[in-house]
Amino acid sequence: MGGEARAWGRPWHVPTNPPRTQREAVADLAEAAGVAPVRVGEIPAVMLAALGLVNPTVRALREVAYQVERPFVMDSGAATAAFGLDPTPWTEVLSATADSYRTPAAHR
């Protein structure tokens, strides 16, 4: 795609599956891994601000907080239509992710 002249001059969102909340994605991954569901919670903004005083990575989270504070949905329809690209099916993504944790790093 990047080597094609028609791809130049504009941003493209790579093909994506339908949106999932973080809670849904974590639940889906736990199911794919065959483990019990895990509790997903929020860290209060005041706690993040306090942690950000001593941790630059946490401090930087404020810049991308919009991605988890309200719906953040990307539309990859243009790339799919222009280049015939489709996302990897969500079930395959989950399976590969779960499998990567089962396989020792030396064998990946």
PDB file of N, CA and C in Angstrom:
ATOM      1  N   MET A   1       0.821  -1.185   0.000  1.00  0.00           N
ATOM      2  CA  MET A   1       0.000   0.000   0.000  1.00  0.00           C
ATOM      3  C   MET A   1       0.870   1.257   0.000  1.00  0.00           C
ATOM      4  N   GLY A   2       1.883   1.317   0.886  1.00  0.00           N
ATOM      5  CA  GLY A   2       2.716   2.508   0.974  1.00  0.00           C
ATOM      6  C   GLY A   2       3.546   2.760  -0.266  1.00  0.00           C
ATOM      7  N   GLY A   3       3.806   1.729  -1.044  1.00  0.00           N
ATOM      8  CA  GLY A   3       4.586   1.885  -2.260  1.00  0.00           C
ATOM      9  C   GLY A   3       3.770   2.322  -3.469  1.00  0.00           C
ATOM     10  N   GLU A   4       2.459   2.386  -3.314  1.00  0.00           N
ATOM     11  CA  GLU A   4       1.598   2.781  -4.431  1.00  0.00           C
ATOM     12  C   GLU A   4       1.432   4.297  -4.450  1.00  0.00           C
ATOM     13  N   ALA A   5       1.563   4.887  -5.627  1.00  0.00           N
ATOM     14  CA  ALA A   5       1.478   6.341  -5.758  1.00  0.00           C
ATOM     15  C   ALA A   5       0.148   6.886  -5.248  1.00  0.00           C
ATOM     16  N   ARG A   6      -0.939   6.148  -5.442  1.00  0.00           N
ATOM     17  CA  ARG A   6      -2.247   6.654  -4.993  1.00  0.00           C
ATOM     18  C   ARG A   6      -2.381   6.689  -3.477  1.00  0.00           C
ATOM     19  N   ALA A   7      -1.452   6.058  -2.775  1.00  0.00           N
ATOM     20  CA  ALA A   7      -1.498   6.071  -1.312  1.00  0.00           C
ATOM     21  C   ALA A   7      -0.873   7.342  -0.730  1.00  0.00           C
ATOM     22  N   TRP A   8      -0.097   8.044  -1.531  1.00  0.00           N
ATOM     23  CA  TRP A   8       0.614   9.220  -1.046  1.00  0.00           C
ATOM     24  C   TRP A   8      -0.314  10.422  -0.913  1.00  0.00           C
ATOM     25  N   GLY A   9       0.033  11.303   0.023  1.00  0.00           N
ATOM     26  CA  GLY A   9      -0.660  12.584   0.146  1.00  0.00           C
ATOM     27  C   GLY A   9      -1.846  12.602   1.084  1.00  0.00           C
ATOM     28  N   ARG A  10      -2.112  11.504   1.770  1.00  0.00           N
ATOM     29  CA  ARG A  10      -3.209  11.489   2.730  1.00  0.00           C
ATOM     30  C   ARG A  10      -2.970  10.402   3.770  1.00  0.00           C
ATOM     31  N   PRO A  11      -3.556  10.546   4.946  1.00  0.00           N
ATOM     32  CA  PRO A  11      -3.417   9.485   5.951  1.00  0.00           C
ATOM     33  C   PRO A  11      -4.397   8.346   5.661  1.00  0.00           C
ATOM     34  N   TRP A  12      -4.025   7.149   6.057  1.00  0.00           N
ATOM     35  CA  TRP A  12      -4.891   5.981   5.899  1.00  0.00           C
ATOM     36  C   TRP A  12      -4.973   5.266   7.236  1.00  0.00           C
ATOM     37  N   HIS A  13      -6.156   4.865   7.612  1.00  0.00           N
ATOM     38  CA  HIS A  13      -6.305   4.011   8.791  1.00  0.00           C
ATOM     39  C   HIS A  13      -6.251   2.574   8.295  1.00  0.00           C
ATOM     40  N   VAL A  14      -5.355   1.793   8.873  1.00  0.00           N
ATOM     41  CA  VAL A  14      -5.255   0.401   8.452  1.00  0.00           C
ATOM     42  C   VAL A  14      -6.553  -0.317   8.811  1.00  0.00           C
ATOM     43  N   PRO A  15      -6.873  -1.393   8.110  1.00  0.00           N
ATOM     44  CA  PRO A  15      -8.135  -2.089   8.357  1.00  0.00           C
ATOM     45  C   PRO A  15      -8.305  -2.481   9.822  1.00  0.00           C
ATOM     46  N   THR A  16      -9.485  -2.231  10.321  1.00  0.00           N
ATOM     47  CA  THR A  16      -9.780  -2.503  11.721  1.00  0.00           C
ATOM     48  C   THR A  16     -11.074  -3.295  11.842  1.00  0.00           C
ATOM     49  N   ASN A  17     -11.159  -4.059  12.918  1.00  0.00           N
ATOM     50  CA  ASN A  17     -12.382  -4.782  13.238  1.00  0.00           C
ATOM     51  C   ASN A  17     -13.375  -3.818  13.881  1.00  0.00           C
ATOM     52  N   PRO A  18     -14.634  -4.243  14.024  1.00  0.00           N
ATOM     53  CA  PRO A  18     -15.598  -3.369  14.704  1.00  0.00           C
ATOM     54  C   PRO A  18     -15.094  -2.974  16.095  1.00  0.00           C
ATOM     55  N   PRO A  19     -15.478  -1.785  16.549  1.00  0.00           N
ATOM     56  CA  PRO A  19     -14.966  -1.303  17.834  1.00  0.00           C
ATOM     57  C   PRO A  19     -15.374  -2.179  19.014  1.00  0.00           C
ATOM     58  N   ARG A  20     -14.486  -2.260  19.990  1.00  0.00           N
ATOM     59  CA  ARG A  20     -14.717  -2.972  21.250  1.00  0.00           C
ATOM     60  C   ARG A  20     -14.276  -2.050  22.371  1.00  0.00           C
ATOM     61  N   THR A  21     -14.973  -2.089  23.480  1.00  0.00           N
ATOM     62  CA  THR A  21     -14.505  -1.336  24.640  1.00  0.00           C
ATOM     63  C   THR A  21     -13.310  -2.090  25.231  1.00  0.00           C
ATOM     64  N   GLN A  22     -12.575  -1.419  26.108  1.00  0.00           N
ATOM     65  CA  GLN A  22     -11.454  -2.101  26.757  1.00  0.00           C
ATOM     66  C   GLN A  22     -11.967  -3.292  27.566  1.00  0.00           C
ATOM     67  N   ARG A  23     -13.084  -3.112  28.241  1.00  0.00           N
ATOM     68  CA  ARG A  23     -13.650  -4.210  29.026  1.00  0.00           C
ATOM     69  C   ARG A  23     -14.004  -5.394  28.127  1.00  0.00           C
ATOM     70  N   GLU A  24     -14.613  -5.113  26.975  1.00  0.00           N
ATOM     71  CA  GLU A  24     -14.974  -6.189  26.050  1.00  0.00           C
ATOM     72  C   GLU A  24     -13.726  -6.891  25.518  1.00  0.00           C
ATOM     73  N   ALA A  25     -12.710  -6.123  25.168  1.00  0.00           N
ATOM     74  CA  ALA A  25     -11.482  -6.708  24.628  1.00  0.00           C
ATOM     75  C   ALA A  25     -10.789  -7.590  25.665  1.00  0.00           C
ATOM     76  N   VAL A  26     -10.744  -7.136  26.907  1.00  0.00           N
ATOM     77  CA  VAL A  26     -10.116  -7.929  27.969  1.00  0.00           C
ATOM     78  C   VAL A  26     -10.923  -9.206  28.217  1.00  0.00           C
ATOM     79  N   ALA A  27     -12.249  -9.091  28.227  1.00  0.00           N
ATOM     80  CA  ALA A  27     -13.100 -10.272  28.415  1.00  0.00           C
ATOM     81  C   ALA A  27     -12.926 -11.254  27.255  1.00  0.00           C
ATOM     82  N   ASP A  28     -12.865 -10.734  26.032  1.00  0.00           N
ATOM     83  CA  ASP A  28     -12.659 -11.584  24.858  1.00  0.00           C
ATOM     84  C   ASP A  28     -11.321 -12.320  24.945  1.00  0.00           C
ATOM     85  N   LEU A  29     -10.278 -11.611  25.368  1.00  0.00           N
ATOM     86  CA  LEU A  29      -8.957 -12.213  25.464  1.00  0.00           C
ATOM     87  C   LEU A  29      -8.920 -13.285  26.554  1.00  0.00           C
ATOM     88  N   ALA A  30      -9.548 -13.020  27.693  1.00  0.00           N
ATOM     89  CA  ALA A  30      -9.593 -14.021  28.762  1.00  0.00           C
ATOM     90  C   ALA A  30     -10.295 -15.281  28.273  1.00  0.00           C
ATOM     91  N   GLU A  31     -11.394 -15.102  27.548  1.00  0.00           N
ATOM     92  CA  GLU A  31     -12.113 -16.261  27.011  1.00  0.00           C
ATOM     93  C   GLU A  31     -11.246 -17.027  26.017  1.00  0.00           C
ATOM     94  N   ALA A  32     -10.576 -16.322  25.121  1.00  0.00           N
ATOM     95  CA  ALA A  32      -9.713 -16.971  24.126  1.00  0.00           C
ATOM     96  C   ALA A  32      -8.568 -17.721  24.789  1.00  0.00           C
ATOM     97  N   ALA A  33      -8.087 -17.195  25.909  1.00  0.00           N
ATOM     98  CA  ALA A  33      -6.969 -17.820  26.617  1.00  0.00           C
ATOM     99  C   ALA A  33      -7.431 -18.951  27.523  1.00  0.00           C
ATOM    100  N   GLY A  34      -8.764 -19.056  27.694  1.00  0.00           N
ATOM    101  CA  GLY A  34      -9.286 -20.115  28.549  1.00  0.00           C
ATOM    102  C   GLY A  34      -9.053 -19.862  30.024  1.00  0.00           C
ATOM    103  N   VAL A  35      -9.011 -18.595  30.401  1.00  0.00           N
ATOM    104  CA  VAL A  35      -8.833 -18.249  31.809  1.00  0.00           C
ATOM    105  C   VAL A  35     -10.076 -17.529  32.318  1.00  0.00           C
ATOM    106  N   ALA A  36     -10.188 -17.468  33.617  1.00  0.00           N
ATOM    107  CA  ALA A  36     -11.341 -16.794  34.218  1.00  0.00           C
ATOM    108  C   ALA A  36     -11.317 -15.307  33.860  1.00  0.00           C
ATOM    109  N   PRO A  37     -12.499 -14.720  33.706  1.00  0.00           N
ATOM    110  CA  PRO A  37     -12.542 -13.275  33.435  1.00  0.00           C
ATOM    111  C   PRO A  37     -11.843 -12.497  34.541  1.00  0.00           C
ATOM    112  N   VAL A  38     -11.249 -11.391  34.160  1.00  0.00           N
ATOM    113  CA  VAL A  38     -10.578 -10.546  35.147  1.00  0.00           C
ATOM    114  C   VAL A  38     -11.356  -9.254  35.340  1.00  0.00           C
ATOM    115  N   ARG A  39     -11.205  -8.685  36.505  1.00  0.00           N
ATOM    116  CA  ARG A  39     -11.874  -7.429  36.794  1.00  0.00           C
ATOM    117  C   ARG A  39     -11.119  -6.292  36.122  1.00  0.00           C
ATOM    118  N   VAL A  40     -11.852  -5.407  35.494  1.00  0.00           N
ATOM    119  CA  VAL A  40     -11.258  -4.243  34.842  1.00  0.00           C
ATOM    120  C   VAL A  40     -11.802  -3.016  35.546  1.00  0.00           C
ATOM    121  N   GLY A  41     -10.916  -2.156  35.982  1.00  0.00           N
ATOM    122  CA  GLY A  41     -11.345  -0.955  36.688  1.00  0.00           C
ATOM    123  C   GLY A  41     -10.669   0.284  36.133  1.00  0.00           C
ATOM    124  N   GLU A  42     -11.010   1.390  36.725  1.00  0.00           N
ATOM    125  CA  GLU A  42     -10.441   2.672  36.320  1.00  0.00           C
ATOM    126  C   GLU A  42      -9.511   3.198  37.400  1.00  0.00           C
ATOM    127  N   ILE A  43      -8.527   3.945  36.970  1.00  0.00           N
ATOM    128  CA  ILE A  43      -7.671   4.664  37.916  1.00  0.00           C
ATOM    129  C   ILE A  43      -8.180   6.094  37.928  1.00  0.00           C
ATOM    130  N   PRO A  44      -8.566   6.599  39.096  1.00  0.00           N
ATOM    131  CA  PRO A  44      -9.096   7.964  39.158  1.00  0.00           C
ATOM    132  C   PRO A  44      -8.097   8.990  38.614  1.00  0.00           C
ATOM    133  N   ALA A  45      -8.625  10.028  37.975  1.00  0.00           N
ATOM    134  CA  ALA A  45      -7.795  11.069  37.368  1.00  0.00           C
ATOM    135  C   ALA A  45      -6.834  11.685  38.379  1.00  0.00           C
ATOM    136  N   VAL A  46      -7.287  11.859  39.598  1.00  0.00           N
ATOM    137  CA  VAL A  46      -6.436  12.454  40.648  1.00  0.00           C
ATOM    138  C   VAL A  46      -5.235  11.550  40.926  1.00  0.00           C
ATOM    139  N   MET A  47      -5.458  10.241  40.903  1.00  0.00           N
ATOM    140  CA  MET A  47      -4.357   9.294  41.138  1.00  0.00           C
ATOM    141  C   MET A  47      -3.375   9.339  39.966  1.00  0.00           C
ATOM    142  N   LEU A  48      -3.888   9.396  38.738  1.00  0.00           N
ATOM    143  CA  LEU A  48      -2.998   9.499  37.582  1.00  0.00           C
ATOM    144  C   LEU A  48      -2.178  10.782  37.629  1.00  0.00           C
ATOM    145  N   ALA A  49      -2.813  11.873  38.032  1.00  0.00           N
ATOM    146  CA  ALA A  49      -2.091  13.148  38.128  1.00  0.00           C
ATOM    147  C   ALA A  49      -0.969  13.036  39.157  1.00  0.00           C
ATOM    148  N   ALA A  50      -1.257  12.408  40.298  1.00  0.00           N
ATOM    149  CA  ALA A  50      -0.241  12.248  41.340  1.00  0.00           C
ATOM    150  C   ALA A  50       0.902  11.360  40.851  1.00  0.00           C
ATOM    151  N   LEU A  51       0.560  10.241  40.224  1.00  0.00           N
ATOM    152  CA  LEU A  51       1.598   9.349  39.694  1.00  0.00           C
ATOM    153  C   LEU A  51       2.411  10.039  38.600  1.00  0.00           C
ATOM    154  N   GLY A  52       1.750  10.902  37.818  1.00  0.00           N
ATOM    155  CA  GLY A  52       2.427  11.625  36.752  1.00  0.00           C
ATOM    156  C   GLY A  52       3.500  12.565  37.250  1.00  0.00           C
ATOM    157  N   LEU A  53       3.427  12.953  38.502  1.00  0.00           N
ATOM    158  CA  LEU A  53       4.454  13.827  39.072  1.00  0.00           C
ATOM    159  C   LEU A  53       5.806  13.132  39.166  1.00  0.00           C
ATOM    160  N   VAL A  54       5.789  11.806  39.282  1.00  0.00           N
ATOM    161  CA  VAL A  54       7.039  11.070  39.446  1.00  0.00           C
ATOM    162  C   VAL A  54       7.341  10.107  38.294  1.00  0.00           C
ATOM    163  N   ASN A  55       6.358   9.917  37.411  1.00  0.00           N
ATOM    164  CA  ASN A  55       6.549   8.964  36.320  1.00  0.00           C
ATOM    165  C   ASN A  55       6.183   9.610  34.990  1.00  0.00           C
ATOM    166  N   PRO A  56       7.163   9.847  34.137  1.00  0.00           N
ATOM    167  CA  PRO A  56       6.891  10.532  32.869  1.00  0.00           C
ATOM    168  C   PRO A  56       5.963   9.748  31.937  1.00  0.00           C
ATOM    169  N   THR A  57       5.991   8.435  32.007  1.00  0.00           N
ATOM    170  CA  THR A  57       5.093   7.637  31.161  1.00  0.00           C
ATOM    171  C   THR A  57       3.652   7.862  31.569  1.00  0.00           C
ATOM    172  N   VAL A  58       3.390   7.825  32.849  1.00  0.00           N
ATOM    173  CA  VAL A  58       2.034   8.076  33.346  1.00  0.00           C
ATOM    174  C   VAL A  58       1.634   9.515  33.035  1.00  0.00           C
ATOM    175  N   ARG A  59       2.560  10.445  33.169  1.00  0.00           N
ATOM    176  CA  ARG A  59       2.282  11.851  32.854  1.00  0.00           C
ATOM    177  C   ARG A  59       1.813  11.993  31.401  1.00  0.00           C
ATOM    178  N   ALA A  60       2.427  11.229  30.510  1.00  0.00           N
ATOM    179  CA  ALA A  60       2.088  11.310  29.088  1.00  0.00           C
ATOM    180  C   ALA A  60       0.700  10.758  28.784  1.00  0.00           C
ATOM    181  N   LEU A  61       0.155   9.953  29.671  1.00  0.00           N
ATOM    182  CA  LEU A  61      -1.178   9.392  29.444  1.00  0.00           C
ATOM    183  C   LEU A  61      -2.243  10.475  29.308  1.00  0.00           C
ATOM    184  N   ARG A  62      -2.014  11.613  29.933  1.00  0.00           N
ATOM    185  CA  ARG A  62      -2.992  12.700  29.836  1.00  0.00           C
ATOM    186  C   ARG A  62      -3.219  13.122  28.387  1.00  0.00           C
ATOM    187  N   GLU A  63      -2.179  13.014  27.564  1.00  0.00           N
ATOM    188  CA  GLU A  63      -2.283  13.428  26.164  1.00  0.00           C
ATOM    189  C   GLU A  63      -3.141  12.504  25.322  1.00  0.00           C
ATOM    190  N   VAL A  64      -3.269  11.258  25.738  1.00  0.00           N
ATOM    191  CA  VAL A  64      -4.067  10.299  24.962  1.00  0.00           C
ATOM    192  C   VAL A  64      -5.294   9.812  25.728  1.00  0.00           C
ATOM    193  N   ALA A  65      -5.615  10.480  26.805  1.00  0.00           N
ATOM    194  CA  ALA A  65      -6.748  10.074  27.642  1.00  0.00           C
ATOM    195  C   ALA A  65      -8.063  10.069  26.870  1.00  0.00           C
ATOM    196  N   TYR A  66      -8.187  10.927  25.875  1.00  0.00           N
ATOM    197  CA  TYR A  66      -9.420  10.980  25.092  1.00  0.00           C
ATOM    198  C   TYR A  66      -9.761   9.628  24.466  1.00  0.00           C
ATOM    199  N   GLN A  67      -8.775   8.775  24.282  1.00  0.00           N
ATOM    200  CA  GLN A  67      -9.014   7.479  23.660  1.00  0.00           C
ATOM    201  C   GLN A  67      -9.757   6.512  24.584  1.00  0.00           C
ATOM    202  N   VAL A  68      -9.735   6.772  25.875  1.00  0.00           N
ATOM    203  CA  VAL A  68     -10.423   5.888  26.818  1.00  0.00           C
ATOM    204  C   VAL A  68     -11.538   6.591  27.586  1.00  0.00           C
ATOM    205  N   GLU A  69     -11.612   7.894  27.465  1.00  0.00           N
ATOM    206  CA  GLU A  69     -12.647   8.637  28.196  1.00  0.00           C
ATOM    207  C   GLU A  69     -13.961   8.743  27.429  1.00  0.00           C
ATOM    208  N   ARG A  70     -13.908   8.570  26.140  1.00  0.00           N
ATOM    209  CA  ARG A  70     -15.115   8.611  25.309  1.00  0.00           C
ATOM    210  C   ARG A  70     -14.851   7.735  24.082  1.00  0.00           C
ATOM    211  N   PRO A  71     -15.892   7.406  23.332  1.00  0.00           N
ATOM    212  CA  PRO A  71     -15.662   6.521  22.191  1.00  0.00           C
ATOM    213  C   PRO A  71     -14.564   7.047  21.261  1.00  0.00           C
ATOM    214  N   PHE A  72     -13.691   6.153  20.870  1.00  0.00           N
ATOM    215  CA  PHE A  72     -12.587   6.467  19.968  1.00  0.00           C
ATOM    216  C   PHE A  72     -12.618   5.411  18.871  1.00  0.00           C
ATOM    217  N   VAL A  73     -13.339   5.712  17.815  1.00  0.00           N
ATOM    218  CA  VAL A  73     -13.573   4.742  16.755  1.00  0.00           C
ATOM    219  C   VAL A  73     -12.921   5.232  15.468  1.00  0.00           C
ATOM    220  N   MET A  74     -12.105   4.386  14.890  1.00  0.00           N
ATOM    221  CA  MET A  74     -11.445   4.728  13.633  1.00  0.00           C
ATOM    222  C   MET A  74     -12.173   4.015  12.498  1.00  0.00           C
ATOM    223  N   ASP A  75     -12.330   4.689  11.379  1.00  0.00           N
ATOM    224  CA  ASP A  75     -12.994   4.112  10.220  1.00  0.00           C
ATOM    225  C   ASP A  75     -11.950   3.799   9.154  1.00  0.00           C
ATOM    226  N   SER A  76     -11.786   2.530   8.870  1.00  0.00           N
ATOM    227  CA  SER A  76     -10.794   2.116   7.872  1.00  0.00           C
ATOM    228  C   SER A  76     -11.440   1.810   6.527  1.00  0.00           C
ATOM    229  N   GLY A  77     -12.677   2.249   6.357  1.00  0.00           N
ATOM    230  CA  GLY A  77     -13.408   1.961   5.128  1.00  0.00           C
ATOM    231  C   GLY A  77     -12.704   2.432   3.864  1.00  0.00           C
ATOM    232  N   ALA A  78     -12.044   3.588   3.923  1.00  0.00           N
ATOM    233  CA  ALA A  78     -11.370   4.121   2.730  1.00  0.00           C
ATOM    234  C   ALA A  78     -10.225   3.210   2.291  1.00  0.00           C
ATOM    235  N   ALA A  79      -9.421   2.739   3.239  1.00  0.00           N
ATOM    236  CA  ALA A  79      -8.299   1.849   2.893  1.00  0.00           C
ATOM    237  C   ALA A  79      -8.814   0.511   2.386  1.00  0.00           C
ATOM    238  N   THR A  80      -9.887   0.022   2.988  1.00  0.00           N
ATOM    239  CA  THR A  80     -10.471  -1.240   2.545  1.00  0.00           C
ATOM    240  C   THR A  80     -10.988  -1.104   1.118  1.00  0.00           C
ATOM    241  N   ALA A  81     -11.684   0.000   0.849  1.00  0.00           N
ATOM    242  CA  ALA A  81     -12.235   0.215  -0.491  1.00  0.00           C
ATOM    243  C   ALA A  81     -11.131   0.449  -1.531  1.00  0.00           C
ATOM    244  N   ALA A  82     -10.124   1.246  -1.181  1.00  0.00           N
ATOM    245  CA  ALA A  82      -9.082   1.610  -2.143  1.00  0.00           C
ATOM    246  C   ALA A  82      -8.112   0.471  -2.432  1.00  0.00           C
ATOM    247  N   PHE A  83      -7.793  -0.313  -1.408  1.00  0.00           N
ATOM    248  CA  PHE A  83      -6.732  -1.303  -1.571  1.00  0.00           C
ATOM    249  C   PHE A  83      -7.190  -2.749  -1.374  1.00  0.00           C
ATOM    250  N   GLY A  84      -8.477  -2.933  -1.072  1.00  0.00           N
ATOM    251  CA  GLY A  84      -8.998  -4.283  -0.888  1.00  0.00           C
ATOM    252  C   GLY A  84      -8.442  -4.984   0.338  1.00  0.00           C
ATOM    253  N   LEU A  85      -8.035  -4.196   1.328  1.00  0.00           N
ATOM    254  CA  LEU A  85      -7.468  -4.761   2.544  1.00  0.00           C
ATOM    255  C   LEU A  85      -8.571  -5.040   3.564  1.00  0.00           C
ATOM    256  N   ASP A  86      -8.465  -6.142   4.259  1.00  0.00           N
ATOM    257  CA  ASP A  86      -9.400  -6.475   5.330  1.00  0.00           C
ATOM    258  C   ASP A  86      -8.614  -6.710   6.607  1.00  0.00           C
ATOM    259  N   PRO A  87      -9.235  -6.444   7.752  1.00  0.00           N
ATOM    260  CA  PRO A  87      -8.528  -6.695   9.007  1.00  0.00           C
ATOM    261  C   PRO A  87      -8.436  -8.196   9.279  1.00  0.00           C
ATOM    262  N   THR A  88      -7.455  -8.578  10.072  1.00  0.00           N
ATOM    263  CA  THR A  88      -7.395  -9.952  10.558  1.00  0.00           C
ATOM    264  C   THR A  88      -8.626 -10.163  11.426  1.00  0.00           C
ATOM    265  N   PRO A  89      -9.363 -11.250  11.233  1.00  0.00           N
ATOM    266  CA  PRO A  89     -10.555 -11.474  12.056  1.00  0.00           C
ATOM    267  C   PRO A  89     -10.222 -11.422  13.549  1.00  0.00           C
ATOM    268  N   TRP A  90     -11.124 -10.829  14.310  1.00  0.00           N
ATOM    269  CA  TRP A  90     -10.918 -10.611  15.747  1.00  0.00           C
ATOM    270  C   TRP A  90     -10.594 -11.917  16.465  1.00  0.00           C
ATOM    271  N   THR A  91     -11.264 -12.997  16.116  1.00  0.00           N
ATOM    272  CA  THR A  91     -10.992 -14.268  16.790  1.00  0.00           C
ATOM    273  C   THR A  91      -9.559 -14.734  16.542  1.00  0.00           C
ATOM    274  N   GLU A  92      -9.025 -14.458  15.347  1.00  0.00           N
ATOM    275  CA  GLU A  92      -7.631 -14.818  15.057  1.00  0.00           C
ATOM    276  C   GLU A  92      -6.664 -13.937  15.845  1.00  0.00           C
ATOM    277  N   VAL A  93      -6.997 -12.660  15.976  1.00  0.00           N
ATOM    278  CA  VAL A  93      -6.166 -11.739  16.758  1.00  0.00           C
ATOM    279  C   VAL A  93      -6.084 -12.238  18.203  1.00  0.00           C
ATOM    280  N   LEU A  94      -7.248 -12.584  18.768  1.00  0.00           N
ATOM    281  CA  LEU A  94      -7.300 -13.053  20.157  1.00  0.00           C
ATOM    282  C   LEU A  94      -6.523 -14.354  20.326  1.00  0.00           C
ATOM    283  N   SER A  95      -6.719 -15.276  19.396  1.00  0.00           N
ATOM    284  CA  SER A  95      -6.043 -16.566  19.484  1.00  0.00           C
ATOM    285  C   SER A  95      -4.522 -16.405  19.401  1.00  0.00           C
ATOM    286  N   ALA A  96      -4.064 -15.590  18.459  1.00  0.00           N
ATOM    287  CA  ALA A  96      -2.616 -15.366  18.308  1.00  0.00           C
ATOM    288  C   ALA A  96      -2.033 -14.673  19.532  1.00  0.00           C
ATOM    289  N   THR A  97      -2.786 -13.729  20.091  1.00  0.00           N
ATOM    290  CA  THR A  97      -2.312 -13.026  21.285  1.00  0.00           C
ATOM    291  C   THR A  97      -2.215 -13.991  22.460  1.00  0.00           C
ATOM    292  N   ALA A  98      -3.264 -14.782  22.684  1.00  0.00           N
ATOM    293  CA  ALA A  98      -3.247 -15.760  23.781  1.00  0.00           C
ATOM    294  C   ALA A  98      -2.117 -16.759  23.584  1.00  0.00           C
ATOM    295  N   ASP A  99      -1.946 -17.240  22.351  1.00  0.00           N
ATOM    296  CA  ASP A  99      -0.871 -18.201  22.067  1.00  0.00           C
ATOM    297  C   ASP A  99       0.509 -17.614  22.320  1.00  0.00           C
ATOM    298  N   SER A 100       0.671 -16.320  22.058  1.00  0.00           N
ATOM    299  CA  SER A 100       1.987 -15.703  22.253  1.00  0.00           C
ATOM    300  C   SER A 100       2.404 -15.719  23.719  1.00  0.00           C
ATOM    301  N   TYR A 101       1.438 -15.732  24.624  1.00  0.00           N
ATOM    302  CA  TYR A 101       1.762 -15.788  26.043  1.00  0.00           C
ATOM    303  C   TYR A 101       2.026 -17.219  26.505  1.00  0.00           C
ATOM    304  N   ARG A 102       1.555 -18.168  25.740  1.00  0.00           N
ATOM    305  CA  ARG A 102       1.794 -19.591  26.082  1.00  0.00           C
ATOM    306  C   ARG A 102       3.144 -20.058  25.574  1.00  0.00           C
ATOM    307  N   THR A 103       3.690 -19.380  24.555  1.00  0.00           N
ATOM    308  CA  THR A 103       4.941 -19.789  23.925  1.00  0.00           C
ATOM    309  C   THR A 103       6.101 -19.038  24.576  1.00  0.00           C
ATOM    310  N   PRO A 104       7.111 -19.748  25.049  1.00  0.00           N
ATOM    311  CA  PRO A 104       8.272 -19.060  25.626  1.00  0.00           C
ATOM    312  C   PRO A 104       8.882 -18.070  24.621  1.00  0.00           C
ATOM    313  N   ALA A 105       9.346 -16.952  25.109  1.00  0.00           N
ATOM    314  CA  ALA A 105       9.893 -15.887  24.256  1.00  0.00           C
ATOM    315  C   ALA A 105      10.991 -16.402  23.335  1.00  0.00           C
ATOM    316  N   ALA A 106      11.795 -17.336  23.785  1.00  0.00           N
ATOM    317  CA  ALA A 106      12.901 -17.853  22.982  1.00  0.00           C
ATOM    318  C   ALA A 106      12.403 -18.611  21.754  1.00  0.00           C
ATOM    319  N   HIS A 107      11.142 -19.047  21.764  1.00  0.00           N
ATOM    320  CA  HIS A 107      10.615 -19.851  20.661  1.00  0.00           C
ATOM    321  C   HIS A 107       9.649 -19.075  19.765  1.00  0.00           C
ATOM    322  N   ARG A 108       9.501 -17.783  20.006  1.00  0.00           N
ATOM    323  CA  ARG A 108       8.585 -16.987  19.185  1.00  0.00           C
ATOM    324  C   ARG A 108       9.225 -16.563  17.900  1.00  0.00           C
TER     325      ARG A 108
END
